[in-house]
Amino acid sequence: MNTKNSYDDISYRLLDELHRESTISQRALADRLGIALGLVNAYLKRLYTKGHIKIKTLPRNRIMYIVTPKGLAEKTRLTYKFMHFSVLYFKQVRRKVEDIYAAMVGMDIRNVLLWGDGEVAELCYISTRGYPLKIVGVAGRNMVENGFFGHHVYAFQDVNSINFDAILVTTLEEKTITPLEQTNIAADKIFYLE
């Protein structure tokens, strides 16, 4: 991960948490953000040095963190940056999906199983418009009836009972890819969004 982006991400999340709850402990912040206590301390010092927060000591060894107007402006800047990155990311993914769908149509593939049930799978589903492709189901960690745009979400181990021409892998998570590698599905029937 890019160090600058991780700094921005942690800074944003800290400013957001402090804006919601000003008397939160550093330990609670570390738990909520899933980072080390020492890292929270270092980030808070940096935010204080830059004038994004003020620190006020309260009775009984408590501390209040006040997000300054400069801190709110920084949070807004980071929000905009994240939204801009997200839009660009989804445009790139959409282009990749459209390229894969065009290749599938060229190979006379019609029935597609989505492997993964997250946000990228939703984008893949929406992107089928205009293509002579049909999403016949979705493979996910947990089986859910009509849980994905009215489609059945099958447990990974149940995909052999589905009639499909190809699988489109919509995630790169190791725990999602591993069950696919353990199936008997031919490699030329599997498409990846790499």
Protein backbone atom coordinates (compact mmCIF):
# COMPACT_ATOMS: atom_id res chain seq x y z
CA MET A 1 0.00 0.00 0.00
CA ASN A 2 1.19 3.50 -0.75
CA THR A 3 2.46 5.08 2.49
CA LYS A 4 0.93 8.45 1.67
CA ASN A 5 -2.49 6.88 1.08
CA SER A 6 -2.32 4.89 4.33
CA TYR A 7 -1.37 8.08 6.17
CA ASP A 8 -4.36 9.85 4.63
CA ASP A 9 -6.66 6.93 5.45
CA ILE A 10 -5.63 6.75 9.10
CA SER A 11 -5.71 10.53 9.48
CA TYR A 12 -9.21 10.67 8.01
CA ARG A 13 -10.48 7.86 10.20
CA LEU A 14 -8.97 9.47 13.32
CA LEU A 15 -10.48 12.87 12.52
CA ASP A 16 -13.83 11.19 11.89
CA GLU A 17 -13.76 9.29 15.19
CA LEU A 18 -12.65 12.37 17.13
CA HIS A 19 -15.36 14.46 15.50
CA ARG A 20 -17.96 11.91 16.66
CA GLU A 21 -16.56 11.31 20.14
CA SER A 22 -14.13 13.85 21.54
CA THR A 23 -13.36 12.12 24.85
CA ILE A 24 -12.45 8.74 23.41
CA SER A 25 -9.32 7.04 24.72
CA GLN A 26 -6.34 6.24 22.52
CA ARG A 27 -6.84 2.56 23.31
CA ALA A 28 -10.45 2.72 22.08
CA LEU A 29 -9.27 4.54 18.95
CA ALA A 30 -6.69 1.83 18.32
CA ASP A 31 -9.38 -0.85 18.68
CA ARG A 32 -11.83 0.91 16.37
CA LEU A 33 -9.23 1.57 13.68
CA GLY A 34 -7.52 -1.80 14.05
CA ILE A 35 -4.06 -0.27 14.46
CA ALA A 36 -1.44 -0.25 17.23
CA LEU A 37 -1.84 2.05 20.22
CA GLY A 38 1.59 3.59 19.58
CA LEU A 39 0.57 4.38 16.00
CA VAL A 40 -2.56 6.15 17.24
CA ASN A 41 -0.40 8.22 19.58
CA ALA A 42 1.99 9.16 16.77
CA TYR A 43 -0.86 10.17 14.45
CA LEU A 44 -2.55 12.23 17.15
CA LYS A 45 0.73 14.06 17.79
CA ARG A 46 1.04 14.75 14.08
CA LEU A 47 -2.54 16.00 13.81
CA TYR A 48 -1.92 18.23 16.84
CA THR A 49 1.33 19.60 15.37
CA LYS A 50 -0.42 20.43 12.10
CA GLY A 51 -3.20 22.23 13.98
CA HIS A 52 -5.92 19.76 13.01
CA ILE A 53 -6.83 18.99 16.62
CA LYS A 54 -6.53 20.65 20.01
CA ILE A 55 -5.98 18.63 23.15
CA LYS A 56 -7.66 19.62 26.41
CA THR A 57 -6.91 17.88 29.70
CA LEU A 58 -9.99 17.00 31.75
CA PRO A 59 -10.24 15.97 35.40
CA ARG A 60 -9.39 12.37 36.37
CA ASN A 61 -6.66 12.01 33.74
CA ARG A 62 -9.07 12.25 30.81
CA ILE A 63 -8.30 14.01 27.55
CA MET A 64 -10.64 15.75 25.12
CA TYR A 65 -9.67 16.00 21.47
CA ILE A 66 -11.20 18.95 19.67
CA VAL A 67 -11.20 18.90 15.87
CA THR A 68 -10.30 22.43 14.77
CA PRO A 69 -11.70 24.24 11.73
CA LYS A 70 -8.40 23.40 10.04
CA GLY A 71 -8.98 19.76 10.99
CA LEU A 72 -12.49 19.84 9.54
CA ALA A 73 -11.07 21.29 6.33
CA GLU A 74 -8.50 18.48 6.24
CA LYS A 75 -11.22 15.87 6.81
CA THR A 76 -13.20 17.38 3.93
CA ARG A 77 -10.11 17.35 1.69
CA LEU A 78 -9.43 13.72 2.52
CA THR A 79 -13.09 12.81 1.91
CA TYR A 80 -12.96 14.42 -1.52
CA LYS A 81 -9.67 12.66 -2.30
CA PHE A 82 -11.14 9.29 -1.30
CA MET A 83 -14.29 9.87 -3.36
CA HIS A 84 -12.20 10.88 -6.39
CA PHE A 85 -10.05 7.76 -6.01
CA SER A 86 -13.16 5.57 -5.65
CA VAL A 87 -14.76 6.95 -8.80
CA LEU A 88 -11.56 6.39 -10.79
CA TYR A 89 -11.20 2.89 -9.36
CA PHE A 90 -14.74 1.89 -10.31
CA LYS A 91 -14.32 3.36 -13.80
CA GLN A 92 -11.20 1.19 -14.26
CA VAL A 93 -13.01 -1.89 -12.97
CA ARG A 94 -15.98 -1.16 -15.23
CA ARG A 95 -13.66 -0.96 -18.26
CA LYS A 96 -12.07 -4.29 -17.31
CA VAL A 97 -15.49 -5.89 -16.87
CA GLU A 98 -16.64 -4.61 -20.26
CA ASP A 99 -13.47 -5.97 -21.91
CA ILE A 100 -14.04 -9.37 -20.30
CA TYR A 101 -17.71 -9.38 -21.30
CA ALA A 102 -16.78 -8.55 -24.90
CA ALA A 103 -14.31 -11.45 -24.88
CA MET A 104 -16.96 -13.77 -23.42
CA VAL A 105 -19.46 -12.81 -26.12
CA GLY A 106 -16.76 -13.44 -28.75
CA MET A 107 -16.29 -16.93 -27.27
CA ASP A 108 -20.06 -17.58 -27.41
CA ILE A 109 -20.39 -17.59 -23.61
CA ARG A 110 -23.90 -16.75 -22.42
CA ASN A 111 -24.38 -17.95 -18.82
CA VAL A 112 -22.02 -16.45 -16.26
CA LEU A 113 -21.53 -17.28 -12.59
CA LEU A 114 -20.06 -14.49 -10.47
CA TRP A 115 -17.47 -15.73 -7.97
CA GLY A 116 -17.73 -13.37 -5.00
CA ASP A 117 -20.66 -11.33 -3.73
CA GLY A 118 -19.16 -7.92 -2.90
CA GLU A 119 -19.33 -4.46 -4.44
CA VAL A 120 -17.34 -5.43 -7.52
CA ALA A 121 -19.79 -8.29 -8.15
CA GLU A 122 -22.61 -5.74 -8.04
CA LEU A 123 -20.78 -3.66 -10.64
CA CYS A 124 -20.32 -6.79 -12.78
CA TYR A 125 -24.01 -7.56 -12.52
CA ILE A 126 -25.04 -4.04 -13.53
CA SER A 127 -22.53 -4.05 -16.39
CA THR A 128 -24.23 -6.98 -18.14
CA ARG A 129 -26.78 -4.56 -19.60
CA GLY A 130 -26.43 -4.46 -23.35
CA TYR A 131 -24.58 -7.77 -23.50
CA PRO A 132 -26.22 -11.08 -24.42
CA LEU A 133 -25.05 -12.48 -21.09
CA LYS A 134 -27.05 -13.85 -18.19
CA ILE A 135 -25.88 -13.97 -14.60
CA VAL A 136 -27.06 -17.41 -13.47
CA GLY A 137 -25.94 -17.08 -9.88
CA VAL A 138 -23.38 -15.82 -7.43
CA ALA A 139 -20.93 -17.87 -5.37
CA GLY A 140 -20.23 -16.46 -1.92
CA ARG A 141 -19.09 -17.53 1.51
CA ASN A 142 -22.66 -18.05 2.72
CA MET A 143 -25.71 -19.32 0.87
CA VAL A 144 -28.54 -16.76 0.62
CA GLU A 145 -31.75 -17.21 -1.37
CA ASN A 146 -32.55 -14.24 -3.62
CA GLY A 147 -29.87 -12.24 -1.78
CA PHE A 148 -28.12 -10.67 -4.76
CA PHE A 149 -30.39 -8.68 -7.08
CA GLY A 150 -32.89 -11.51 -6.79
CA HIS A 151 -30.27 -14.15 -7.55
CA HIS A 152 -29.41 -17.07 -5.35
CA VAL A 153 -26.04 -16.79 -3.59
CA TYR A 154 -24.53 -20.28 -3.56
CA ALA A 155 -21.94 -21.49 -1.11
CA PHE A 156 -18.62 -22.06 -2.90
CA GLN A 157 -18.84 -25.82 -2.51
CA ASP A 158 -22.26 -25.92 -4.25
CA VAL A 159 -21.26 -24.39 -7.61
CA ASN A 160 -21.11 -27.75 -9.37
CA SER A 161 -24.92 -27.88 -9.23
CA ILE A 162 -25.20 -24.69 -11.34
CA ASN A 163 -25.32 -24.66 -15.13
CA PHE A 164 -22.89 -21.98 -16.38
CA ASP A 165 -20.58 -21.38 -19.33
CA ALA A 166 -17.97 -19.37 -17.42
CA ILE A 167 -17.07 -17.91 -14.04
CA LEU A 168 -16.11 -14.29 -13.52
CA VAL A 169 -14.03 -13.90 -10.37
CA THR A 170 -15.05 -10.59 -8.80
CA THR A 171 -12.68 -10.58 -5.86
CA LEU A 172 -8.98 -11.03 -5.17
CA GLU A 173 -9.37 -12.13 -1.53
CA GLU A 174 -7.31 -15.22 -0.77
CA LYS A 175 -10.13 -16.84 1.24
CA THR A 176 -12.41 -16.48 -1.79
CA ILE A 177 -9.92 -17.63 -4.45
CA THR A 178 -8.81 -20.76 -2.54
CA PRO A 179 -12.20 -22.58 -2.85
CA LEU A 180 -12.17 -21.89 -6.61
CA GLU A 181 -8.77 -23.52 -6.94
CA GLN A 182 -10.17 -26.61 -5.21
CA THR A 183 -12.94 -27.16 -7.80
CA ASN A 184 -12.76 -29.18 -11.01
CA ILE A 185 -13.69 -26.21 -13.18
CA ALA A 186 -11.62 -25.90 -16.36
CA ALA A 187 -9.18 -22.97 -16.34
CA ASP A 188 -10.49 -21.67 -19.68
CA LYS A 189 -13.92 -21.19 -18.07
CA ILE A 190 -12.54 -18.85 -15.40
CA PHE A 191 -12.06 -15.13 -16.04
CA TYR A 192 -10.29 -12.79 -13.61
CA LEU A 193 -10.51 -9.02 -13.16
CA GLU A 194 -6.72 -8.60 -12.94
